[in-house]
Every structure is written in structure tokens, then in C-alpha cells.
Amino acid sequence: MVVGSQLSVCTVFEVLVVLFQVCGILGLCLNRLMPRTTRWPSRGQTGLIVALFGLGIAGALCGRHDSEFALFAGGTMTLLLIGMTMGSGSMERNEPARGCVTSEAELAA
């Protein structure tokens, strides 16, 4: 048991960066890997957006205290944004593919 331990403000911001990183990765996994018929993808997307805002704010506060965790927050934000925008995100096809339609009118023979 540690008696009289003091947490600095910088340490709190660093812990927040780590927590937002974990929340962002979990949100990205929920958004990408769960089937669209459930409500988990929307919850994952909400968690991902909250984590991005949290990483931005916590990273900026870490930068004010000259902490290296500001770089980790920025790198994680970049990876989360890339993961959020890459691909379609849906593994299942909900609607059938449309047939090819030509713009030429069919001529009678």
C-alpha cells in the first residue's frame, strides 16, 4: 500500500489518453465486426466518435504539459480515422445486385 502518493495532473491526462485509446479500438471493432442487423455497430460508432474527441482533448492537454502521450494520442486518432473510413464496413449484402441496364432503346426486328 502506497501512503501519501500524489497523482500529478499530467499523469491523469496520460491515463485518460490510454482509456480513450482502448475505447476507440473497442468502438472500431464493434462498428466493423458486428452484423448490421444488431444495434452494436451504432453503439460502436458513437463510442468511436467520443473516443476521437476525447483523444483530441486529452492529447492537447498532454501537449501542454510536455508529455509524449500527446504523440500517442495523435497517432491513435490517425489510425482510428483510417479504420473508420476504409472499406465498406459491412460483411453481409442486404440488397441484390442490380442487372445491367443499357441506355439504348430496343429495336423491333
Protein backbone atom coordinates (compact mmCIF):
# COMPACT_ATOMS: atom_id res chain seq x y z
CA MET A 1 0.00 0.00 0.00
CA VAL A 2 1.38 3.34 -1.03
CA VAL A 3 0.92 6.01 1.59
CA GLY A 4 0.90 9.65 0.54
CA SER A 5 1.17 9.02 -3.20
CA GLN A 6 0.22 12.02 -5.26
CA LEU A 7 -1.02 11.87 -8.80
CA SER A 8 0.12 14.74 -10.94
CA VAL A 9 -2.23 16.38 -13.39
CA CYS A 10 -0.05 15.16 -16.24
CA THR A 11 -0.45 11.56 -15.06
CA VAL A 12 -4.23 11.90 -15.06
CA PHE A 13 -4.16 13.19 -18.66
CA GLU A 14 -1.89 10.31 -19.69
CA VAL A 15 -4.27 7.78 -18.16
CA LEU A 16 -7.15 9.45 -19.99
CA VAL A 17 -5.27 9.09 -23.28
CA VAL A 18 -4.84 5.35 -22.65
CA LEU A 19 -8.51 4.93 -21.72
CA PHE A 20 -9.69 6.79 -24.82
CA GLN A 21 -7.35 4.66 -26.95
CA VAL A 22 -8.91 1.47 -25.58
CA CYS A 23 -12.44 2.84 -26.03
CA GLY A 24 -11.66 3.88 -29.60
CA ILE A 25 -10.29 0.47 -30.57
CA LEU A 26 -13.27 -1.29 -28.98
CA GLY A 27 -15.67 1.06 -30.75
CA LEU A 28 -13.95 0.48 -34.07
CA CYS A 29 -14.12 -3.29 -33.59
CA LEU A 30 -17.81 -3.12 -32.68
CA ASN A 31 -18.57 -0.89 -35.63
CA ARG A 32 -16.71 -3.02 -38.16
CA LEU A 33 -17.18 -6.58 -36.95
CA MET A 34 -20.73 -6.82 -35.63
CA PRO A 35 -23.62 -7.57 -38.03
CA ARG A 36 -25.59 -4.53 -39.19
CA THR A 37 -28.89 -6.08 -38.08
CA THR A 38 -28.00 -5.51 -34.42
CA ARG A 39 -27.61 -2.20 -32.61
CA TRP A 40 -23.96 -2.79 -31.65
CA PRO A 41 -22.46 -1.13 -34.75
CA SER A 42 -24.20 2.17 -33.96
CA ARG A 43 -23.04 1.96 -30.36
CA GLY A 44 -19.52 1.28 -31.57
CA GLN A 45 -19.66 4.28 -33.89
CA THR A 46 -20.84 6.50 -31.05
CA GLY A 47 -18.03 5.22 -28.84
CA LEU A 48 -15.54 5.80 -31.63
CA ILE A 49 -16.62 9.42 -32.09
CA VAL A 50 -16.49 10.06 -28.34
CA ALA A 51 -13.03 8.48 -28.20
CA LEU A 52 -11.79 10.67 -31.06
CA PHE A 53 -12.96 13.84 -29.31
CA GLY A 54 -11.54 12.60 -26.00
CA LEU A 55 -8.20 11.77 -27.59
CA GLY A 56 -8.04 15.20 -29.15
CA ILE A 57 -8.73 16.99 -25.88
CA ALA A 58 -6.58 14.72 -23.69
CA GLY A 59 -3.75 14.82 -26.24
CA ALA A 60 -3.84 18.61 -26.34
CA LEU A 61 -3.73 18.76 -22.55
CA CYS A 62 -0.80 16.32 -22.51
CA GLY A 63 0.96 18.52 -25.03
CA ARG A 64 0.57 21.50 -22.72
CA HIS A 65 2.42 19.51 -20.04
CA ASP A 66 5.18 18.41 -22.48
CA SER A 67 4.15 14.77 -22.28
CA GLU A 68 4.95 12.27 -25.03
CA PHE A 69 1.43 10.89 -24.73
CA ALA A 70 0.29 13.73 -26.98
CA LEU A 71 2.08 11.94 -29.84
CA PHE A 72 0.42 8.65 -28.93
CA ALA A 73 -2.98 10.33 -28.92
CA GLY A 74 -2.37 11.87 -32.34
CA GLY A 75 -1.18 8.60 -33.81
CA THR A 76 -4.16 6.73 -32.42
CA MET A 77 -6.54 9.34 -33.80
CA THR A 78 -4.96 8.91 -37.23
CA LEU A 79 -5.29 5.13 -37.12
CA LEU A 80 -8.89 5.31 -35.89
CA LEU A 81 -9.84 7.72 -38.66
CA ILE A 82 -8.21 5.48 -41.26
CA GLY A 83 -10.00 2.44 -39.82
CA MET A 84 -13.29 4.31 -39.81
CA THR A 85 -13.08 5.41 -43.45
CA MET A 86 -11.54 2.34 -45.11
CA GLY A 87 -13.76 -0.18 -46.82
CA SER A 88 -17.50 -0.54 -46.71
CA GLY A 89 -17.63 -1.94 -43.18
CA SER A 90 -20.43 -4.34 -43.98
CA MET A 91 -19.73 -8.01 -44.48
CA GLU A 92 -23.24 -9.01 -45.47
CA ARG A 93 -25.16 -7.97 -48.56
CA ASN A 94 -28.64 -6.65 -47.83
CA GLU A 95 -29.90 -5.98 -51.34
CA PRO A 96 -29.43 -7.98 -54.52
CA ALA A 97 -27.15 -6.69 -57.25
CA ARG A 98 -28.93 -4.76 -60.00
CA GLY A 99 -28.81 -6.02 -63.55
CA CYS A 100 -27.06 -4.07 -66.27
CA VAL A 101 -29.34 -1.55 -67.95
CA THR A 102 -28.47 -0.05 -71.32
CA SER A 103 -29.43 3.42 -72.43
CA GLU A 104 -30.30 2.32 -75.96
CA ALA A 105 -33.88 1.59 -76.85
CA GLU A 106 -34.59 -1.92 -78.05
CA LEU A 107 -35.37 -2.05 -81.72
CA ALA A 108 -38.02 -4.29 -83.20
CA ALA A 109 -36.71 -6.71 -85.79
